[in-house]
C-alpha atoms as a PDB file:
ATOM      1  CA  MET A   1      11.750 -19.297   3.209  1.00  0.00           C
ATOM      2  CA  SER A   2      15.550 -19.396   2.863  1.00  0.00           C
ATOM      3  CA  ASP A   3      15.682 -22.827   1.213  1.00  0.00           C
ATOM      4  CA  LEU A   4      12.638 -22.140  -0.947  1.00  0.00           C
ATOM      5  CA  LEU A   5      12.634 -20.357  -4.287  1.00  0.00           C
ATOM      6  CA  ASP A   6      10.935 -16.959  -4.263  1.00  0.00           C
ATOM      7  CA  PRO A   7       7.409 -17.289  -5.755  1.00  0.00           C
ATOM      8  CA  ARG A   8       7.586 -13.584  -6.724  1.00  0.00           C
ATOM      9  CA  ASN A   9      10.125 -14.517  -9.398  1.00  0.00           C
ATOM     10  CA  ASP A  10       7.920 -14.555 -12.536  1.00  0.00           C
ATOM     11  CA  PHE A  11       9.457 -17.838 -13.764  1.00  0.00           C
ATOM     12  CA  VAL A  12       8.481 -19.580 -10.493  1.00  0.00           C
ATOM     13  CA  PHE A  13       5.103 -17.800 -10.379  1.00  0.00           C
ATOM     14  CA  LYS A  14       4.278 -19.119 -13.837  1.00  0.00           C
ATOM     15  CA  ARG A  15       5.348 -22.661 -12.918  1.00  0.00           C
ATOM     16  CA  ILE A  16       2.929 -22.578  -9.949  1.00  0.00           C
ATOM     17  CA  PHE A  17      -0.045 -20.764 -11.528  1.00  0.00           C
ATOM     18  CA  GLY A  18       0.447 -21.081 -15.289  1.00  0.00           C
ATOM     19  CA  SER A  19       0.976 -24.822 -15.821  1.00  0.00           C
ATOM     20  CA  GLU A  20      -1.731 -27.085 -17.227  1.00  0.00           C
ATOM     21  CA  GLU A  21      -1.464 -29.426 -14.229  1.00  0.00           C
ATOM     22  CA  ASN A  22      -2.062 -26.482 -11.834  1.00  0.00           C
ATOM     23  CA  LYS A  23      -5.091 -24.958 -13.567  1.00  0.00           C
ATOM     24  CA  ASP A  24      -7.151 -25.679 -10.430  1.00  0.00           C
ATOM     25  CA  VAL A  25      -4.733 -23.495  -8.435  1.00  0.00           C
ATOM     26  CA  LEU A  26      -5.135 -20.644 -10.934  1.00  0.00           C
ATOM     27  CA  LEU A  27      -8.923 -20.995 -10.935  1.00  0.00           C
ATOM     28  CA  VAL A  28      -9.201 -20.656  -7.144  1.00  0.00           C
ATOM     29  CA  PHE A  29      -6.778 -17.702  -7.115  1.00  0.00           C
ATOM     30  CA  LEU A  30      -8.851 -15.941  -9.795  1.00  0.00           C
ATOM     31  CA  ASN A  31     -12.101 -16.625  -7.972  1.00  0.00           C
ATOM     32  CA  ARG A  32     -10.683 -15.165  -4.752  1.00  0.00           C
ATOM     33  CA  THR A  33      -9.579 -12.130  -6.798  1.00  0.00           C
ATOM     34  CA  PHE A  34     -12.959 -11.692  -8.481  1.00  0.00           C
ATOM     35  CA  ALA A  35     -14.863 -12.202  -5.230  1.00  0.00           C
ATOM     36  CA  GLU A  36     -13.354  -8.859  -4.156  1.00  0.00           C
ATOM     37  CA  SER A  37     -14.478  -7.063  -7.330  1.00  0.00           C
ATOM     38  CA  GLY A  38     -18.029  -8.442  -7.443  1.00  0.00           C
ATOM     39  CA  GLU A  39     -17.461 -10.792 -10.404  1.00  0.00           C
ATOM     40  CA  GLN A  40     -19.254 -14.086 -10.825  1.00  0.00           C
ATOM     41  CA  PRO A  41     -17.042 -17.096  -9.944  1.00  0.00           C
ATOM     42  CA  LEU A  42     -15.515 -19.014 -12.860  1.00  0.00           C
ATOM     43  CA  THR A  43     -16.073 -22.729 -13.306  1.00  0.00           C
ATOM     44  CA  GLU A  44     -13.308 -23.286 -15.827  1.00  0.00           C
ATOM     45  CA  ILE A  45     -10.325 -21.515 -17.347  1.00  0.00           C
ATOM     46  CA  VAL A  46      -8.315 -22.036 -20.547  1.00  0.00           C
ATOM     47  CA  LEU A  47      -4.570 -21.290 -20.490  1.00  0.00           C
ATOM     48  CA  LEU A  48      -3.528 -19.519 -23.704  1.00  0.00           C
ATOM     49  CA  ASN A  49       0.240 -19.670 -23.027  1.00  0.00           C
ATOM     50  CA  PRO A  50       0.835 -22.485 -20.524  1.00  0.00           C
ATOM     51  CA  TYR A  51       4.337 -22.970 -19.121  1.00  0.00           C
ATOM     52  CA  THR A  52       6.488 -25.280 -21.240  1.00  0.00           C
ATOM     53  CA  ASP A  53      10.122 -26.366 -20.983  1.00  0.00           C
ATOM     54  CA  LYS A  54      10.800 -24.111 -23.990  1.00  0.00           C
ATOM     55  CA  ASP A  55      10.281 -21.061 -21.733  1.00  0.00           C
ATOM     56  CA  ALA A  56      13.889 -19.980 -21.216  1.00  0.00           C
ATOM     57  CA  PRO A  57      14.498 -17.451 -18.432  1.00  0.00           C
ATOM     58  CA  LEU A  58      17.017 -15.419 -20.460  1.00  0.00           C
ATOM     59  CA  ASP A  59      15.131 -15.518 -23.754  1.00  0.00           C
ATOM     60  CA  LYS A  60      13.367 -12.218 -24.484  1.00  0.00           C
ATOM     61  CA  GLN A  61      10.696 -14.191 -26.356  1.00  0.00           C
ATOM     62  CA  SER A  62       9.705 -16.157 -23.255  1.00  0.00           C
ATOM     63  CA  ILE A  63       6.617 -14.599 -21.735  1.00  0.00           C
ATOM     64  CA  PHE A  64       6.209 -15.207 -18.037  1.00  0.00           C
ATOM     65  CA  ASP A  65       2.840 -13.465 -17.879  1.00  0.00           C
ATOM     66  CA  ILE A  66      -0.164 -15.776 -17.648  1.00  0.00           C
ATOM     67  CA  TRP A  67      -2.744 -15.397 -20.404  1.00  0.00           C
ATOM     68  CA  ALA A  68      -6.051 -17.138 -19.860  1.00  0.00           C
ATOM     69  CA  LYS A  69      -9.580 -17.169 -21.240  1.00  0.00           C
ATOM     70  CA  THR A  70     -12.913 -17.910 -19.570  1.00  0.00           C
ATOM     71  CA  ALA A  71     -15.614 -20.138 -21.063  1.00  0.00           C
ATOM     72  CA  GLU A  72     -17.413 -16.967 -22.267  1.00  0.00           C
ATOM     73  CA  GLY A  73     -14.256 -15.726 -24.004  1.00  0.00           C
ATOM     74  CA  LYS A  74     -13.288 -13.064 -21.441  1.00  0.00           C
ATOM     75  CA  LEU A  75      -9.500 -12.520 -21.528  1.00  0.00           C
ATOM     76  CA  ILE A  76      -7.354 -12.425 -18.387  1.00  0.00           C
ATOM     77  CA  ASN A  77      -3.700 -11.387 -18.169  1.00  0.00           C
ATOM     78  CA  ILE A  78      -1.734 -11.852 -14.911  1.00  0.00           C
ATOM     79  CA  GLU A  79       1.683 -10.304 -14.486  1.00  0.00           C
ATOM     80  CA  MET A  80       4.061 -10.578 -11.546  1.00  0.00           C
ATOM     81  CA  GLN A  81       6.398  -7.596 -11.096  1.00  0.00           C
ATOM     82  CA  LEU A  82       9.295  -8.226  -8.715  1.00  0.00           C
ATOM     83  CA  PHE A  83      10.931  -4.834  -9.410  1.00  0.00           C
ATOM     84  CA  ASN A  84       9.531  -1.419 -10.255  1.00  0.00           C
ATOM     85  CA  LYS A  85       9.616  -0.922 -14.031  1.00  0.00           C
ATOM     86  CA  TYR A  86       8.123   2.584 -13.698  1.00  0.00           C
ATOM     87  CA  ASP A  87       5.227   3.914 -15.817  1.00  0.00           C
ATOM     88  CA  ILE A  88       3.334   0.728 -14.893  1.00  0.00           C
ATOM     89  CA  GLU A  89      -0.039   2.432 -15.483  1.00  0.00           C
ATOM     90  CA  LYS A  90       0.846   3.399 -19.074  1.00  0.00           C
ATOM     91  CA  ARG A  91       2.451   0.031 -19.706  1.00  0.00           C
ATOM     92  CA  THR A  92      -0.684  -1.695 -18.373  1.00  0.00           C
ATOM     93  CA  LEU A  93      -3.022   0.317 -20.606  1.00  0.00           C
ATOM     94  CA  TYR A  94      -0.742  -0.213 -23.610  1.00  0.00           C
ATOM     95  CA  TYR A  95      -0.742  -4.005 -23.231  1.00  0.00           C
ATOM     96  CA  TRP A  96      -4.450  -4.053 -22.316  1.00  0.00           C
ATOM     97  CA  SER A  97      -5.283  -2.155 -25.524  1.00  0.00           C
ATOM     98  CA  LYS A  98      -3.169  -4.537 -27.627  1.00  0.00           C
ATOM     99  CA  ARG A  99      -4.940  -7.587 -26.171  1.00  0.00           C
ATOM    100  CA  TYR A 100      -8.356  -5.944 -26.517  1.00  0.00           C
ATOM    101  CA  SER A 101      -7.924  -4.827 -30.142  1.00  0.00           C
ATOM    102  CA  SER A 102      -6.205  -8.040 -31.287  1.00  0.00           C
ATOM    103  CA  GLN A 103      -9.457  -9.954 -30.725  1.00  0.00           C
ATOM    104  CA  LEU A 104     -11.103  -8.529 -33.863  1.00  0.00           C
ATOM    105  CA  GLN A 105     -10.553 -10.275 -37.147  1.00  0.00           C
ATOM    106  CA  GLU A 106     -11.222  -8.368 -40.379  1.00  0.00           C
ATOM    107  CA  GLY A 107     -14.942  -7.952 -41.046  1.00  0.00           C
ATOM    108  CA  GLN A 108     -16.005  -8.557 -37.435  1.00  0.00           C
ATOM    109  CA  THR A 109     -18.106  -5.978 -35.613  1.00  0.00           C
ATOM    110  CA  TYR A 110     -17.099  -4.197 -32.412  1.00  0.00           C
ATOM    111  CA  LYS A 111     -19.682  -6.088 -30.411  1.00  0.00           C
ATOM    112  CA  GLU A 112     -17.535  -9.213 -30.828  1.00  0.00           C
ATOM    113  CA  LEU A 113     -14.962  -7.670 -28.458  1.00  0.00           C
ATOM    114  CA  LYS A 114     -14.858  -9.427 -25.089  1.00  0.00           C
ATOM    115  CA  LYS A 115     -13.885  -8.023 -21.713  1.00  0.00           C
ATOM    116  CA  CYS A 116     -10.142  -7.913 -20.907  1.00  0.00           C
ATOM    117  CA  VAL A 117      -8.958  -8.118 -17.298  1.00  0.00           C
ATOM    118  CA  THR A 118      -5.391  -7.248 -16.282  1.00  0.00           C
ATOM    119  CA  ILE A 119      -4.087  -8.369 -12.885  1.00  0.00           C
ATOM    120  CA  ASN A 120      -0.776  -6.821 -11.817  1.00  0.00           C
ATOM    121  CA  ILE A 121       0.863  -8.303  -8.716  1.00  0.00           C
ATOM    122  CA  LEU A 122       3.501  -5.829  -7.561  1.00  0.00           C
ATOM    123  CA  ASN A 123       6.302  -6.354  -5.087  1.00  0.00           C
ATOM    124  CA  TYR A 124       6.380  -2.593  -4.437  1.00  0.00           C
ATOM    125  CA  SER A 125       3.921   0.187  -3.566  1.00  0.00           C
ATOM    126  CA  PHE A 126       2.457   2.178  -6.416  1.00  0.00           C
ATOM    127  CA  ILE A 127      -1.011   3.459  -5.464  1.00  0.00           C
ATOM    128  CA  ALA A 128      -1.312   6.216  -2.863  1.00  0.00           C
ATOM    129  CA  ASN A 129      -3.657   4.442  -0.456  1.00  0.00           C
ATOM    130  CA  GLU A 130      -3.480   1.693   2.155  1.00  0.00           C
ATOM    131  CA  ARG A 131      -5.423  -0.932   0.175  1.00  0.00           C
ATOM    132  CA  TYR A 132      -3.365  -3.926  -0.981  1.00  0.00           C
ATOM    133  CA  HIS A 133      -5.939  -4.734  -3.697  1.00  0.00           C
ATOM    134  CA  ASN A 134      -7.244  -1.912  -5.909  1.00  0.00           C
ATOM    135  CA  VAL A 135      -9.609  -2.478  -8.851  1.00  0.00           C
ATOM    136  CA  PHE A 136     -10.184   0.039 -11.660  1.00  0.00           C
ATOM    137  CA  HIS A 137     -13.058   0.322 -14.158  1.00  0.00           C
ATOM    138  CA  LEU A 138     -14.343   2.942 -16.629  1.00  0.00           C
ATOM    139  CA  ARG A 139     -16.875   4.947 -14.637  1.00  0.00           C
ATOM    140  CA  GLU A 140     -18.472   8.417 -14.786  1.00  0.00           C
ATOM    141  CA  ASP A 141     -16.854  10.808 -12.280  1.00  0.00           C
ATOM    142  CA  HIS A 142     -19.972  12.088 -10.500  1.00  0.00           C
ATOM    143  CA  THR A 143     -22.481   9.262 -10.582  1.00  0.00           C
ATOM    144  CA  GLY A 144     -20.233   6.193 -10.775  1.00  0.00           C
ATOM    145  CA  LEU A 145     -22.185   5.080 -13.867  1.00  0.00           C
ATOM    146  CA  GLU A 146     -20.205   2.463 -15.801  1.00  0.00           C
ATOM    147  CA  LEU A 147     -19.450   3.285 -19.433  1.00  0.00           C
ATOM    148  CA  SER A 148     -18.325  -0.243 -20.253  1.00  0.00           C
ATOM    149  CA  ASP A 149     -17.356  -3.302 -18.238  1.00  0.00           C
ATOM    150  CA  ASP A 150     -14.742  -4.304 -20.835  1.00  0.00           C
ATOM    151  CA  LEU A 151     -11.824  -2.697 -18.989  1.00  0.00           C
ATOM    152  CA  GLU A 152     -10.887  -4.033 -15.548  1.00  0.00           C
ATOM    153  CA  VAL A 153      -7.448  -3.535 -14.002  1.00  0.00           C
ATOM    154  CA  HIS A 154      -6.332  -4.994 -10.663  1.00  0.00           C
ATOM    155  CA  PHE A 155      -3.263  -3.909  -8.722  1.00  0.00           C
ATOM    156  CA  MET A 156      -2.190  -6.133  -5.834  1.00  0.00           C
ATOM    157  CA  GLU A 157       0.673  -4.610  -3.836  1.00  0.00           C
ATOM    158  CA  LEU A 158       2.466  -7.192  -1.709  1.00  0.00           C
ATOM    159  CA  SER A 159       4.454  -4.440   0.025  1.00  0.00           C
ATOM    160  CA  LYS A 160       1.256  -3.240   1.736  1.00  0.00           C
ATOM    161  CA  LEU A 161       0.612  -6.560   3.486  1.00  0.00           C
ATOM    162  CA  ASP A 162       1.321  -6.902   7.193  1.00  0.00           C
ATOM    163  CA  ASP A 163       3.460 -10.057   7.431  1.00  0.00           C
ATOM    164  CA  GLN A 164       2.633 -10.603  11.097  1.00  0.00           C
ATOM    165  CA  SER A 165      -1.156 -10.799  10.938  1.00  0.00           C
ATOM    166  CA  VAL A 166      -2.313 -14.197   9.701  1.00  0.00           C
ATOM    167  CA  PRO A 167      -5.964 -14.073   8.592  1.00  0.00           C
ATOM    168  CA  MET A 168      -8.633 -16.121  10.356  1.00  0.00           C
ATOM    169  CA  GLU A 169     -10.702 -16.848   7.248  1.00  0.00           C
ATOM    170  CA  GLY A 170     -10.427 -17.735   3.580  1.00  0.00           C
ATOM    171  CA  GLY A 171      -9.877 -15.213   0.806  1.00  0.00           C
ATOM    172  CA  LEU A 172      -7.335 -13.543  -1.450  1.00  0.00           C
ATOM    173  CA  ILE A 173      -5.059 -12.304   1.360  1.00  0.00           C
ATOM    174  CA  ASN A 174      -3.968 -15.896   2.125  1.00  0.00           C
ATOM    175  CA  TRP A 175      -2.725 -16.272  -1.463  1.00  0.00           C
ATOM    176  CA  LEU A 176      -0.916 -12.934  -1.376  1.00  0.00           C
ATOM    177  CA  LEU A 177       0.778 -13.762   1.946  1.00  0.00           C
ATOM    178  CA  PHE A 178       2.001 -17.032   0.404  1.00  0.00           C
ATOM    179  CA  LEU A 179       3.378 -15.118  -2.603  1.00  0.00           C
ATOM    180  CA  LYS A 180       5.048 -12.527  -0.385  1.00  0.00           C
ATOM    181  CA  GLY A 181       6.908 -15.332   1.384  1.00  0.00           C
ATOM    182  CA  ALA A 182       4.949 -16.066   4.557  1.00  0.00           C
ATOM    183  CA  ASP A 183       7.011 -17.975   7.100  1.00  0.00           C
ATOM    184  CA  LYS A 184       6.532 -21.731   6.743  1.00  0.00           C
ATOM    185  CA  SER A 185       5.247 -21.844  10.321  1.00  0.00           C
ATOM    186  CA  ASN A 186       2.160 -19.984   9.019  1.00  0.00           C
ATOM    187  CA  TRP A 187       1.602 -22.262   6.020  1.00  0.00           C
ATOM    188  CA  GLU A 188      -0.673 -24.610   7.942  1.00  0.00           C
ATOM    189  CA  VAL A 189      -3.067 -21.787   8.889  1.00  0.00           C
ATOM    190  CA  LEU A 190      -3.051 -20.408   5.322  1.00  0.00           C
ATOM    191  CA  GLN A 191      -3.828 -23.931   4.033  1.00  0.00           C
ATOM    192  CA  MET A 192      -6.701 -24.328   6.484  1.00  0.00           C
ATOM    193  CA  ASN A 193      -8.138 -21.031   5.235  1.00  0.00           C
ATOM    194  CA  GLU A 194      -7.515 -21.891   1.578  1.00  0.00           C
ATOM    195  CA  PRO A 195      -7.134 -25.676   1.008  1.00  0.00           C
ATOM    196  CA  THR A 196      -5.997 -25.282  -2.652  1.00  0.00           C
ATOM    197  CA  LEU A 197      -2.945 -23.396  -1.408  1.00  0.00           C
ATOM    198  CA  LYS A 198      -1.511 -26.786  -0.408  1.00  0.00           C
ATOM    199  CA  LYS A 199      -0.992 -27.645  -4.068  1.00  0.00           C
ATOM    200  CA  ALA A 200       0.716 -24.277  -4.692  1.00  0.00           C
ATOM    201  CA  MET A 201       2.967 -24.871  -1.676  1.00  0.00           C
ATOM    202  CA  ASP A 202       3.756 -28.438  -2.766  1.00  0.00           C
ATOM    203  CA  THR A 203       4.700 -27.135  -6.239  1.00  0.00           C
ATOM    204  CA  LEU A 204       7.008 -24.522  -4.718  1.00  0.00           C
ATOM    205  CA  GLU A 205       8.679 -27.136  -2.503  1.00  0.00           C
ATOM    206  CA  PHE A 206       9.106 -29.509  -5.451  1.00  0.00           C
ATOM    207  CA  LEU A 207      10.666 -26.755  -7.618  1.00  0.00           C
ATOM    208  CA  SER A 208      12.943 -25.715  -4.745  1.00  0.00           C
ATOM    209  CA  GLN A 209      14.374 -29.249  -4.562  1.00  0.00           C
ATOM    210  CA  ASP A 210      14.751 -29.612  -8.341  1.00  0.00           C
ATOM    211  CA  ARG A 211      18.305 -28.795  -9.431  1.00  0.00           C
ATOM    212  CA  GLU A 212      17.382 -27.711 -12.969  1.00  0.00           C
ATOM    213  CA  ALA A 213      14.498 -25.530 -11.770  1.00  0.00           C
ATOM    214  CA  ARG A 214      16.846 -23.836  -9.303  1.00  0.00           C
ATOM    215  CA  ARG A 215      19.428 -23.202 -12.028  1.00  0.00           C
ATOM    216  CA  LEU A 216      16.789 -21.613 -14.299  1.00  0.00           C
ATOM    217  CA  TYR A 217      15.426 -19.635 -11.357  1.00  0.00           C
ATOM    218  CA  GLU A 218      18.862 -18.219 -10.554  1.00  0.00           C
ATOM    219  CA  GLU A 219      19.390 -17.252 -14.202  1.00  0.00           C
ATOM    220  CA  ARG A 220      16.039 -15.471 -14.265  1.00  0.00           C
ATOM    221  CA  GLN A 221      16.700 -13.780 -10.904  1.00  0.00           C
ATOM    222  CA  LYS A 222      20.004 -12.397 -12.209  1.00  0.00           C
ATOM    223  CA  TYR A 223      18.322 -11.183 -15.409  1.00  0.00           C
ATOM    224  CA  LEU A 224      15.575  -9.414 -13.405  1.00  0.00           C
ATOM    225  CA  HIS A 225      18.156  -7.842 -11.062  1.00  0.00           C
ATOM    226  CA  ASP A 226      20.252  -6.586 -13.987  1.00  0.00           C
ATOM    227  CA  GLU A 227      17.209  -5.204 -15.807  1.00  0.00           C
ATOM    228  CA  ALA A 228      16.028  -3.461 -12.610  1.00  0.00           C
ATOM    229  CA  SER A 229      19.437  -1.950 -11.886  1.00  0.00           C
ATOM    230  CA  MET A 230      19.636  -0.635 -15.440  1.00  0.00           C
ATOM    231  CA  ILE A 231      16.247   1.084 -15.068  1.00  0.00           C
ATOM    232  CA  GLU A 232      17.249   2.411 -11.653  1.00  0.00           C
ATOM    233  CA  TRP A 233      20.552   3.673 -13.014  1.00  0.00           C
ATOM    234  CA  ALA A 234      18.736   5.669 -15.718  1.00  0.00           C
ATOM    235  CA  THR A 235      16.198   7.004 -13.232  1.00  0.00           C
ATOM    236  CA  GLU A 236      18.641   7.912 -10.462  1.00  0.00           C
ATOM    237  CA  LYS A 237      20.956   9.739 -12.834  1.00  0.00           C
ATOM    238  CA  GLY A 238      17.939  11.767 -13.909  1.00  0.00           C
ATOM    239  CA  ILE A 239      18.911  11.223 -17.513  1.00  0.00           C
ATOM    240  CA  ALA A 240      16.391  12.666 -19.938  1.00  0.00           C
ATOM    241  CA  LYS A 241      14.801   9.954 -22.042  1.00  0.00           C
ATOM    242  CA  GLY A 242      16.431  11.294 -25.221  1.00  0.00           C
ATOM    243  CA  GLU A 243      19.898  11.185 -23.667  1.00  0.00           C
ATOM    244  CA  GLN A 244      19.291   7.728 -22.228  1.00  0.00           C
ATOM    245  CA  LYS A 245      18.196   6.492 -25.654  1.00  0.00           C
ATOM    246  CA  LYS A 246      21.262   8.051 -27.268  1.00  0.00           C
ATOM    247  CA  ALA A 247      23.610   6.384 -24.736  1.00  0.00           C
ATOM    248  CA  ILE A 248      21.984   3.001 -25.378  1.00  0.00           C
ATOM    249  CA  GLU A 249      22.202   3.485 -29.176  1.00  0.00           C
ATOM    250  CA  ILE A 250      25.919   4.376 -28.906  1.00  0.00           C
ATOM    251  CA  ALA A 251      26.503   1.267 -26.768  1.00  0.00           C
ATOM    252  CA  LYS A 252      24.664  -0.899 -29.339  1.00  0.00           C
ATOM    253  CA  ASN A 253      26.718   0.563 -32.195  1.00  0.00           C
ATOM    254  CA  MET A 254      29.930  -0.101 -30.276  1.00  0.00           C
ATOM    255  CA  LEU A 255      28.797  -3.697 -29.695  1.00  0.00           C
ATOM    256  CA  SER A 256      28.127  -4.146 -33.416  1.00  0.00           C
ATOM    257  CA  LEU A 257      31.697  -2.948 -34.115  1.00  0.00           C
ATOM    258  CA  GLY A 258      32.977  -5.741 -31.889  1.00  0.00           C
ATOM    259  CA  ILE A 259      34.298  -3.449 -29.150  1.00  0.00           C
ATOM    260  CA  GLU A 260      34.812  -5.210 -25.836  1.00  0.00           C
ATOM    261  CA  VAL A 261      32.009  -5.009 -23.276  1.00  0.00           C
ATOM    262  CA  SER A 262      34.342  -3.671 -20.550  1.00  0.00           C
ATOM    263  CA  VAL A 263      35.484  -0.805 -22.831  1.00  0.00           C
ATOM    264  CA  ILE A 264      31.880   0.135 -23.725  1.00  0.00           C
ATOM    265  CA  ALA A 265      30.818   0.026 -20.079  1.00  0.00           C
ATOM    266  CA  LYS A 266      33.606   2.417 -19.129  1.00  0.00           C
ATOM    267  CA  ALA A 267      32.912   4.786 -22.024  1.00  0.00           C
ATOM    268  CA  ILE A 268      29.130   4.988 -21.537  1.00  0.00           C
ATOM    269  CA  GLY A 269      28.989   4.712 -17.745  1.00  0.00           C
ATOM    270  CA  LEU A 270      27.031   1.452 -17.600  1.00  0.00           C
ATOM    271  CA  SER A 271      27.950  -1.712 -15.736  1.00  0.00           C
ATOM    272  CA  GLN A 272      29.236  -4.657 -17.775  1.00  0.00           C
ATOM    273  CA  SER A 273      26.076  -6.681 -17.036  1.00  0.00           C
ATOM    274  CA  GLU A 274      23.928  -3.789 -18.341  1.00  0.00           C
ATOM    275  CA  VAL A 275      25.911  -3.727 -21.589  1.00  0.00           C
ATOM    276  CA  GLU A 276      25.560  -7.538 -21.830  1.00  0.00           C
ATOM    277  CA  LEU A 277      21.767  -7.058 -21.647  1.00  0.00           C
ATOM    278  CA  LEU A 278      21.904  -4.787 -24.711  1.00  0.00           C
ATOM    279  CA  LYS A 279      23.266  -7.673 -26.786  1.00  0.00           C
ATOM    280  CA  ASP A 280      19.670  -8.966 -26.898  1.00  0.00           C
END
């Protein structure tokens, strides 16, 4: 896929799955996902934050998650993670709880709350098993009795997929192999298994040939790389969270005093691109 943009880049992922004109692509992907967790197939989906040209890859306000709603009001959040942000389980529960609680307006009763589903597609391994698709619910330890169906969390780990084995039938794995970057020589088989994948592939090819899309993609890719290296730097150095926070605060204060980025980087032990990120 050398000449193609990487669909694991969240900006590209959202262009393929989170655009109004590609809602049919999203619907099939979700139905393949839910088929593996015993959910009823969806007939329609509403995009709550569809991709627009205002989504700027370097703007912190641009959200490259996909937020959608079913006809019954069930909420779905899909997030693509190219790099390990660490504490993904806590982050997931934090954002799930915000989405879940934000549904209630003043005076409404708790029974108005609808189910919230989070789907995390990870480009790294996180769960200690061999399954590439794990689904979590709230269940009783001994009997498996469900307390509530309102919480459902999916983790799809692309790193656990065997690139060589092309499936012989339809299903979610075809979509995940496409996202992981299956060789174009396998696209035809994946399309035969999952016909709607053709539209996803066509969108990726179109974006890859579009000069502006490529420019935005490269900006986003650099931003994601810088953010990841900053997290890795903090983790590898084994810096306690308090110390890390203090270093970042000092860097921010130095920025506000107009001190040059190169000087701050040297003083704090960050790279210049990491200090640039703090300007936001």
